[in-house]
C-alpha atoms as a PDB file:
ATOM      1  CA  UNK A   1     178.030 143.548  60.731  1.00  0.00           C
ATOM      2  CA  UNK A   2     176.640 146.915  59.625  1.00  0.00           C
ATOM      3  CA  UNK A   3     174.104 148.492  61.949  1.00  0.00           C
ATOM      4  CA  UNK A   4     171.136 149.781  59.978  1.00  0.00           C
ATOM      5  CA  UNK A   5     169.898 153.241  60.966  1.00  0.00           C
ATOM      6  CA  UNK A   6     166.674 155.187  60.603  1.00  0.00           C
ATOM      7  CA  UNK A   7     168.354 157.193  57.838  1.00  0.00           C
ATOM      8  CA  UNK A   8     169.159 153.973  55.958  1.00  0.00           C
ATOM      9  CA  UNK A   9     165.498 153.092  56.164  1.00  0.00           C
ATOM     10  CA  UNK A  10     164.418 156.487  54.872  1.00  0.00           C
ATOM     11  CA  UNK A  11     166.776 156.166  51.914  1.00  0.00           C
ATOM     12  CA  UNK A  12     165.483 152.707  51.006  1.00  0.00           C
ATOM     13  CA  UNK A  13     161.878 153.790  51.477  1.00  0.00           C
ATOM     14  CA  UNK A  14     162.075 156.936  49.332  1.00  0.00           C
ATOM     15  CA  UNK A  15     161.346 155.280  45.933  1.00  0.00           C
ATOM     16  CA  UNK A  16     158.514 153.274  47.498  1.00  0.00           C
ATOM     17  CA  UNK A  17     156.997 156.449  48.935  1.00  0.00           C
ATOM     18  CA  UNK A  18     157.163 158.220  45.573  1.00  0.00           C
ATOM     19  CA  UNK A  19     155.444 155.293  43.887  1.00  0.00           C
ATOM     20  CA  UNK A  20     152.739 155.149  46.541  1.00  0.00           C
ATOM     21  CA  UNK A  21     152.063 158.868  46.193  1.00  0.00           C
ATOM     22  CA  UNK A  22     150.945 158.541  42.580  1.00  0.00           C
ATOM     23  CA  UNK A  23     148.969 155.324  43.054  1.00  0.00           C
ATOM     24  CA  UNK A  24     147.137 156.472  46.176  1.00  0.00           C
ATOM     25  CA  UNK A  25     146.128 159.671  44.369  1.00  0.00           C
ATOM     26  CA  UNK A  26     143.984 157.473  42.154  1.00  0.00           C
ATOM     27  CA  UNK A  27     142.477 155.775  45.200  1.00  0.00           C
ATOM     28  CA  UNK A  28     141.656 159.149  46.736  1.00  0.00           C
ATOM     29  CA  UNK A  29     139.845 160.264  43.582  1.00  0.00           C
ATOM     30  CA  UNK A  30     137.982 156.961  43.426  1.00  0.00           C
ATOM     31  CA  UNK A  31     136.929 157.096  47.077  1.00  0.00           C
ATOM     32  CA  UNK A  32     135.660 160.657  46.702  1.00  0.00           C
ATOM     33  CA  UNK A  33     133.697 159.744  43.566  1.00  0.00           C
ATOM     34  CA  UNK A  34     132.056 156.894  45.488  1.00  0.00           C
ATOM     35  CA  UNK A  35     130.766 159.237  48.163  1.00  0.00           C
ATOM     36  CA  UNK A  36     133.488 159.160  50.816  1.00  0.00           C
ATOM     37  CA  UNK A  37     134.662 162.429  52.339  1.00  0.00           C
ATOM     38  CA  UNK A  38     138.281 163.545  52.257  1.00  0.00           C
ATOM     39  CA  UNK A  39     138.729 162.683  55.948  1.00  0.00           C
ATOM     40  CA  UNK A  40     137.098 159.266  55.529  1.00  0.00           C
ATOM     41  CA  UNK A  41     139.317 158.498  52.540  1.00  0.00           C
ATOM     42  CA  UNK A  42     142.479 159.372  54.455  1.00  0.00           C
ATOM     43  CA  UNK A  43     141.400 157.345  57.504  1.00  0.00           C
ATOM     44  CA  UNK A  44     140.741 154.315  55.292  1.00  0.00           C
ATOM     45  CA  UNK A  45     144.168 154.659  53.660  1.00  0.00           C
ATOM     46  CA  UNK A  46     145.979 155.325  56.927  1.00  0.00           C
ATOM     47  CA  UNK A  47     144.510 152.335  58.738  1.00  0.00           C
ATOM     48  CA  UNK A  48     144.730 149.817  55.880  1.00  0.00           C
ATOM     49  CA  UNK A  49     147.774 150.581  53.729  1.00  0.00           C
ATOM     50  CA  UNK A  50     146.598 147.953  51.240  1.00  0.00           C
ATOM     51  CA  UNK A  51     145.503 148.992  47.770  1.00  0.00           C
ATOM     52  CA  UNK A  52     143.525 145.893  46.780  1.00  0.00           C
ATOM     53  CA  UNK A  53     141.951 145.618  50.217  1.00  0.00           C
ATOM     54  CA  UNK A  54     140.951 149.272  50.251  1.00  0.00           C
ATOM     55  CA  UNK A  55     139.356 149.147  46.802  1.00  0.00           C
ATOM     56  CA  UNK A  56     137.464 145.979  47.740  1.00  0.00           C
ATOM     57  CA  UNK A  57     136.429 147.557  51.038  1.00  0.00           C
ATOM     58  CA  UNK A  58     134.969 150.749  49.620  1.00  0.00           C
ATOM     59  CA  UNK A  59     133.292 148.740  46.853  1.00  0.00           C
ATOM     60  CA  UNK A  60     131.532 146.575  49.433  1.00  0.00           C
ATOM     61  CA  UNK A  61     130.603 149.593  51.561  1.00  0.00           C
ATOM     62  CA  UNK A  62     129.194 151.448  48.551  1.00  0.00           C
ATOM     63  CA  UNK A  63     127.166 148.350  47.636  1.00  0.00           C
ATOM     64  CA  UNK A  64     125.750 148.316  51.206  1.00  0.00           C
ATOM     65  CA  UNK A  65     127.492 145.034  52.004  1.00  0.00           C
ATOM     66  CA  UNK A  66     127.491 143.566  55.469  1.00  0.00           C
ATOM     67  CA  UNK A  67     130.259 143.841  58.046  1.00  0.00           C
ATOM     68  CA  UNK A  68     130.807 140.091  57.702  1.00  0.00           C
ATOM     69  CA  UNK A  69     131.458 140.493  53.961  1.00  0.00           C
ATOM     70  CA  UNK A  70     134.013 143.225  54.592  1.00  0.00           C
ATOM     71  CA  UNK A  71     135.835 141.200  57.266  1.00  0.00           C
ATOM     72  CA  UNK A  72     135.897 138.041  55.153  1.00  0.00           C
ATOM     73  CA  UNK A  73     137.028 139.915  52.040  1.00  0.00           C
ATOM     74  CA  UNK A  74     139.851 141.618  53.943  1.00  0.00           C
ATOM     75  CA  UNK A  75     140.915 138.269  55.408  1.00  0.00           C
ATOM     76  CA  UNK A  76     141.105 136.622  51.992  1.00  0.00           C
ATOM     77  CA  UNK A  77     142.749 139.523  50.163  1.00  0.00           C
ATOM     78  CA  UNK A  78     145.247 140.508  52.867  1.00  0.00           C
ATOM     79  CA  UNK A  79     146.123 137.075  54.248  1.00  0.00           C
ATOM     80  CA  UNK A  80     149.461 137.217  52.441  1.00  0.00           C
ATOM     81  CA  UNK A  81     150.653 139.942  54.819  1.00  0.00           C
ATOM     82  CA  UNK A  82     150.469 137.477  57.703  1.00  0.00           C
ATOM     83  CA  UNK A  83     152.793 135.154  55.813  1.00  0.00           C
ATOM     84  CA  UNK A  84     155.150 138.039  55.061  1.00  0.00           C
ATOM     85  CA  UNK A  85     155.197 139.015  58.733  1.00  0.00           C
ATOM     86  CA  UNK A  86     156.016 135.454  59.798  1.00  0.00           C
ATOM     87  CA  UNK A  87     158.909 135.405  57.337  1.00  0.00           C
ATOM     88  CA  UNK A  88     160.321 138.683  58.632  1.00  0.00           C
ATOM     89  CA  UNK A  89     160.312 137.451  62.241  1.00  0.00           C
ATOM     90  CA  UNK A  90     163.403 135.419  61.333  1.00  0.00           C
ATOM     91  CA  UNK A  91     165.321 138.650  60.679  1.00  0.00           C
ATOM     92  CA  UNK A  92     164.273 140.788  63.659  1.00  0.00           C
ATOM     93  CA  UNK A  93     166.759 141.672  66.380  1.00  0.00           C
ATOM     94  CA  UNK A  94     166.109 142.085  70.091  1.00  0.00           C
ATOM     95  CA  UNK A  95     164.923 145.679  69.672  1.00  0.00           C
ATOM     96  CA  UNK A  96     161.617 144.288  68.421  1.00  0.00           C
ATOM     97  CA  UNK A  97     159.589 143.824  71.576  1.00  0.00           C
ATOM     98  CA  UNK A  98     156.142 142.255  71.309  1.00  0.00           C
ATOM     99  CA  UNK A  99     154.321 145.633  71.269  1.00  0.00           C
ATOM    100  CA  UNK A 100     156.785 146.916  68.660  1.00  0.00           C
ATOM    101  CA  UNK A 101     156.196 143.846  66.484  1.00  0.00           C
ATOM    102  CA  UNK A 102     152.454 144.426  66.616  1.00  0.00           C
ATOM    103  CA  UNK A 103     152.896 148.100  65.753  1.00  0.00           C
ATOM    104  CA  UNK A 104     155.341 147.524  62.880  1.00  0.00           C
ATOM    105  CA  UNK A 105     153.210 144.756  61.374  1.00  0.00           C
ATOM    106  CA  UNK A 106     150.725 147.471  60.386  1.00  0.00           C
ATOM    107  CA  UNK A 107     153.222 148.849  57.868  1.00  0.00           C
ATOM    108  CA  UNK A 108     154.054 145.627  56.032  1.00  0.00           C
ATOM    109  CA  UNK A 109     153.311 145.915  52.326  1.00  0.00           C
ATOM    110  CA  UNK A 110     154.611 143.942  49.351  1.00  0.00           C
ATOM    111  CA  UNK A 111     157.339 146.493  48.624  1.00  0.00           C
ATOM    112  CA  UNK A 112     158.405 147.005  52.246  1.00  0.00           C
ATOM    113  CA  UNK A 113     158.553 143.237  52.692  1.00  0.00           C
ATOM    114  CA  UNK A 114     160.684 142.863  49.563  1.00  0.00           C
ATOM    115  CA  UNK A 115     163.238 145.432  50.751  1.00  0.00           C
ATOM    116  CA  UNK A 116     163.266 144.114  54.327  1.00  0.00           C
ATOM    117  CA  UNK A 117     163.685 140.492  53.306  1.00  0.00           C
ATOM    118  CA  UNK A 118     166.822 141.410  51.360  1.00  0.00           C
ATOM    119  CA  UNK A 119     168.544 142.485  54.587  1.00  0.00           C
ATOM    120  CA  UNK A 120     170.414 139.960  56.754  1.00  0.00           C
ATOM    121  CA  UNK A 121     168.873 141.482  59.878  1.00  0.00           C
ATOM    122  CA  UNK A 122     166.415 144.253  60.762  1.00  0.00           C
ATOM    123  CA  UNK A 123     166.192 146.568  63.760  1.00  0.00           C
ATOM    124  CA  UNK A 124     163.338 148.844  64.760  1.00  0.00           C
ATOM    125  CA  UNK A 125     165.080 152.055  63.687  1.00  0.00           C
ATOM    126  CA  UNK A 126     165.643 150.793  60.169  1.00  0.00           C
ATOM    127  CA  UNK A 127     162.147 149.348  59.762  1.00  0.00           C
ATOM    128  CA  UNK A 128     160.443 152.504  61.031  1.00  0.00           C
ATOM    129  CA  UNK A 129     162.596 154.567  58.678  1.00  0.00           C
ATOM    130  CA  UNK A 130     161.732 152.242  55.808  1.00  0.00           C
ATOM    131  CA  UNK A 131     158.005 152.559  56.543  1.00  0.00           C
ATOM    132  CA  UNK A 132     157.893 156.328  57.109  1.00  0.00           C
ATOM    133  CA  UNK A 133     157.967 157.675  53.543  1.00  0.00           C
ATOM    134  CA  UNK A 134     155.758 154.924  52.051  1.00  0.00           C
ATOM    135  CA  UNK A 135     153.155 155.601  54.758  1.00  0.00           C
ATOM    136  CA  UNK A 136     153.303 159.356  54.214  1.00  0.00           C
ATOM    137  CA  UNK A 137     153.225 158.846  50.450  1.00  0.00           C
ATOM    138  CA  UNK A 138     150.177 156.592  50.648  1.00  0.00           C
ATOM    139  CA  UNK A 139     148.144 158.763  53.010  1.00  0.00           C
ATOM    140  CA  UNK A 140     149.371 162.008  51.436  1.00  0.00           C
ATOM    141  CA  UNK A 141     148.511 160.842  47.953  1.00  0.00           C
ATOM    142  CA  UNK A 142     145.061 159.789  49.126  1.00  0.00           C
ATOM    143  CA  UNK A 143     144.547 163.206  50.704  1.00  0.00           C
ATOM    144  CA  UNK A 144     145.556 164.994  47.500  1.00  0.00           C
ATOM    145  CA  UNK A 145     143.425 162.709  45.341  1.00  0.00           C
ATOM    146  CA  UNK A 146     140.338 163.050  47.516  1.00  0.00           C
ATOM    147  CA  UNK A 147     140.782 166.824  47.701  1.00  0.00           C
ATOM    148  CA  UNK A 148     141.211 167.035  43.920  1.00  0.00           C
ATOM    149  CA  UNK A 149     138.159 164.845  43.470  1.00  0.00           C
ATOM    150  CA  UNK A 150     136.134 167.403  45.398  1.00  0.00           C
ATOM    151  CA  UNK A 151     136.783 170.185  42.913  1.00  0.00           C
ATOM    152  CA  UNK A 152     137.296 168.501  39.539  1.00  0.00           C
ATOM    153  CA  UNK A 153     134.364 167.695  37.219  1.00  0.00           C
ATOM    154  CA  UNK A 154     132.727 164.293  37.747  1.00  0.00           C
ATOM    155  CA  UNK A 155     133.751 163.116  34.297  1.00  0.00           C
ATOM    156  CA  UNK A 156     137.402 163.896  34.990  1.00  0.00           C
ATOM    157  CA  UNK A 157     137.212 162.380  38.477  1.00  0.00           C
ATOM    158  CA  UNK A 158     135.805 159.168  36.999  1.00  0.00           C
ATOM    159  CA  UNK A 159     138.633 159.058  34.484  1.00  0.00           C
ATOM    160  CA  UNK A 160     141.256 159.655  37.181  1.00  0.00           C
ATOM    161  CA  UNK A 161     139.751 156.855  39.252  1.00  0.00           C
ATOM    162  CA  UNK A 162     140.859 154.405  36.572  1.00  0.00           C
ATOM    163  CA  UNK A 163     144.466 154.989  37.684  1.00  0.00           C
ATOM    164  CA  UNK A 164     144.124 152.544  40.574  1.00  0.00           C
ATOM    165  CA  UNK A 165     143.024 149.822  38.154  1.00  0.00           C
ATOM    166  CA  UNK A 166     145.979 150.700  35.955  1.00  0.00           C
ATOM    167  CA  UNK A 167     148.195 149.904  38.930  1.00  0.00           C
ATOM    168  CA  UNK A 168     146.574 146.491  39.314  1.00  0.00           C
ATOM    169  CA  UNK A 169     147.139 145.765  35.625  1.00  0.00           C
ATOM    170  CA  UNK A 170     150.787 146.792  35.963  1.00  0.00           C
ATOM    171  CA  UNK A 171     151.123 144.432  38.930  1.00  0.00           C
ATOM    172  CA  UNK A 172     149.645 141.261  37.456  1.00  0.00           C
ATOM    173  CA  UNK A 173     150.623 141.502  33.774  1.00  0.00           C
ATOM    174  CA  UNK A 174     154.400 140.881  34.215  1.00  0.00           C
ATOM    175  CA  UNK A 175     154.009 137.752  36.408  1.00  0.00           C
ATOM    176  CA  UNK A 176     151.102 136.531  34.252  1.00  0.00           C
ATOM    177  CA  UNK A 177     153.372 136.681  31.179  1.00  0.00           C
ATOM    178  CA  UNK A 178     156.133 134.816  32.989  1.00  0.00           C
ATOM    179  CA  UNK A 179     154.273 132.297  35.160  1.00  0.00           C
ATOM    180  CA  UNK A 180     151.434 130.132  33.895  1.00  0.00           C
ATOM    181  CA  UNK A 181     149.967 129.816  37.385  1.00  0.00           C
ATOM    182  CA  UNK A 182     149.546 133.574  37.710  1.00  0.00           C
ATOM    183  CA  UNK A 183     147.932 133.751  34.267  1.00  0.00           C
ATOM    184  CA  UNK A 184     145.484 130.993  35.206  1.00  0.00           C
ATOM    185  CA  UNK A 185     144.514 132.818  38.403  1.00  0.00           C
ATOM    186  CA  UNK A 186     143.888 136.069  36.515  1.00  0.00           C
ATOM    187  CA  UNK A 187     141.812 134.385  33.799  1.00  0.00           C
ATOM    188  CA  UNK A 188     139.732 132.338  36.243  1.00  0.00           C
ATOM    189  CA  UNK A 189     139.011 135.357  38.432  1.00  0.00           C
ATOM    190  CA  UNK A 190     138.068 137.495  35.415  1.00  0.00           C
ATOM    191  CA  UNK A 191     135.786 134.883  33.865  1.00  0.00           C
ATOM    192  CA  UNK A 192     134.120 134.018  37.153  1.00  0.00           C
ATOM    193  CA  UNK A 193     133.563 137.694  37.956  1.00  0.00           C
ATOM    194  CA  UNK A 194     131.834 138.211  34.595  1.00  0.00           C
ATOM    195  CA  UNK A 195     129.681 135.118  35.117  1.00  0.00           C
ATOM    196  CA  UNK A 196     128.516 136.295  38.534  1.00  0.00           C
ATOM    197  CA  UNK A 197     127.874 139.787  37.184  1.00  0.00           C
ATOM    198  CA  UNK A 198     125.916 138.937  34.044  1.00  0.00           C
ATOM    199  CA  UNK A 199     124.240 135.561  34.606  1.00  0.00           C
ATOM    200  CA  UNK A 200     120.721 136.408  35.834  1.00  0.00           C
ATOM    201  CA  UNK A 201     120.229 133.623  38.384  1.00  0.00           C
ATOM    202  CA  UNK A 202     123.505 134.605  40.118  1.00  0.00           C
ATOM    203  CA  UNK A 203     122.380 138.184  40.686  1.00  0.00           C
ATOM    204  CA  UNK A 204     121.689 137.418  44.354  1.00  0.00           C
ATOM    205  CA  UNK A 205     125.454 137.273  45.018  1.00  0.00           C
ATOM    206  CA  UNK A 206     126.562 140.606  46.456  1.00  0.00           C
ATOM    207  CA  UNK A 207     129.685 142.471  45.345  1.00  0.00           C
ATOM    208  CA  UNK A 208     131.425 141.528  48.583  1.00  0.00           C
ATOM    209  CA  UNK A 209     130.908 137.795  48.224  1.00  0.00           C
ATOM    210  CA  UNK A 210     131.689 138.040  44.523  1.00  0.00           C
ATOM    211  CA  UNK A 211     135.165 139.348  45.369  1.00  0.00           C
ATOM    212  CA  UNK A 212     135.654 136.603  47.964  1.00  0.00           C
ATOM    213  CA  UNK A 213     134.451 133.805  45.673  1.00  0.00           C
ATOM    214  CA  UNK A 214     136.602 134.951  42.739  1.00  0.00           C
ATOM    215  CA  UNK A 215     139.736 135.285  44.881  1.00  0.00           C
ATOM    216  CA  UNK A 216     139.376 131.906  46.590  1.00  0.00           C
ATOM    217  CA  UNK A 217     138.376 129.945  43.477  1.00  0.00           C
ATOM    218  CA  UNK A 218     141.075 131.532  41.282  1.00  0.00           C
ATOM    219  CA  UNK A 219     143.794 130.840  43.844  1.00  0.00           C
ATOM    220  CA  UNK A 220     142.545 127.281  44.347  1.00  0.00           C
ATOM    221  CA  UNK A 221     142.435 126.472  40.619  1.00  0.00           C
ATOM    222  CA  UNK A 222     145.904 127.933  40.022  1.00  0.00           C
ATOM    223  CA  UNK A 223     147.337 126.018  42.999  1.00  0.00           C
ATOM    224  CA  UNK A 224     145.781 122.779  41.736  1.00  0.00           C
ATOM    225  CA  UNK A 225     146.824 123.090  38.100  1.00  0.00           C
ATOM    226  CA  UNK A 226     150.215 124.716  38.582  1.00  0.00           C
ATOM    227  CA  UNK A 227     151.428 124.009  42.119  1.00  0.00           C
ATOM    228  CA  UNK A 228     154.793 125.306  43.303  1.00  0.00           C
ATOM    229  CA  UNK A 229     157.026 122.749  45.013  1.00  0.00           C
ATOM    230  CA  UNK A 230     159.820 123.780  47.320  1.00  0.00           C
ATOM    231  CA  UNK A 231     163.212 122.292  46.509  1.00  0.00           C
ATOM    232  CA  UNK A 232     164.040 119.250  48.610  1.00  0.00           C
ATOM    233  CA  UNK A 233     167.680 118.258  49.300  1.00  0.00           C
ATOM    234  CA  UNK A 234     168.891 115.359  47.175  1.00  0.00           C
ATOM    235  CA  UNK A 235     169.575 113.188  50.226  1.00  0.00           C
ATOM    236  CA  UNK A 236     166.050 113.701  51.568  1.00  0.00           C
ATOM    237  CA  UNK A 237     164.234 110.353  51.784  1.00  0.00           C
ATOM    238  CA  UNK A 238     160.883 111.622  52.976  1.00  0.00           C
ATOM    239  CA  UNK A 239     159.317 110.847  49.616  1.00  0.00           C
ATOM    240  CA  UNK A 240     158.419 114.465  48.847  1.00  0.00           C
ATOM    241  CA  UNK A 241     158.843 115.628  45.272  1.00  0.00           C
ATOM    242  CA  UNK A 242     162.157 117.268  44.451  1.00  0.00           C
ATOM    243  CA  UNK A 243     161.637 119.859  41.767  1.00  0.00           C
ATOM    244  CA  UNK A 244     162.214 123.400  40.788  1.00  0.00           C
ATOM    245  CA  UNK A 245     159.245 125.696  41.276  1.00  0.00           C
ATOM    246  CA  UNK A 246     156.774 124.581  38.632  1.00  0.00           C
ATOM    247  CA  UNK A 247     155.010 127.302  36.743  1.00  0.00           C
END
């Protein structure tokens, strides 16, 4: 069995880091345009490492949302990382002590999870190597974006801030075209967000709770209309449905 090294992790993490550098630049510009300093923007990026969560967080902060709204929004949006972490525990070797597991869990992102889950086993050297360049790319890109946002005209900064939304579109369009459930979730969230925004008697709902409501309702509707069933062995007599993942 091949022993994965820190260098192996760096190699696998290089394309992720390059991708994060460009995306986080947009977040840095956005954060600066919303009134956050360069240092504050980098701290937010360095302690979250979650694009959707960070955008939701600064949106709630800018709208003067409560701490409870921020916590609840982060819980809803980033809950998937807990599931990813639980999955990866099946691949960790003995080098992952409890403190090391807690520390490494901070660096789990969709892309890092995808690369890690493809390995038969993971040690701490490999995982730290895999996380190094993506982390530096994310925080470095945020730093560059926030710094650029400080000197570029407001009109240009506003235009550059759209880049982060372009990333979201690039993320959800491919699965929405392929899987009906994903398309339903996107449509429900979009429609519900517009309703909350423009219907007068719903104006009391803050931006923070709007994000939470849209995320929970969209996920619930998609799960109800297009549930995904795990395959069950043919000789299973538990009565559970045996089917391919339904889309």
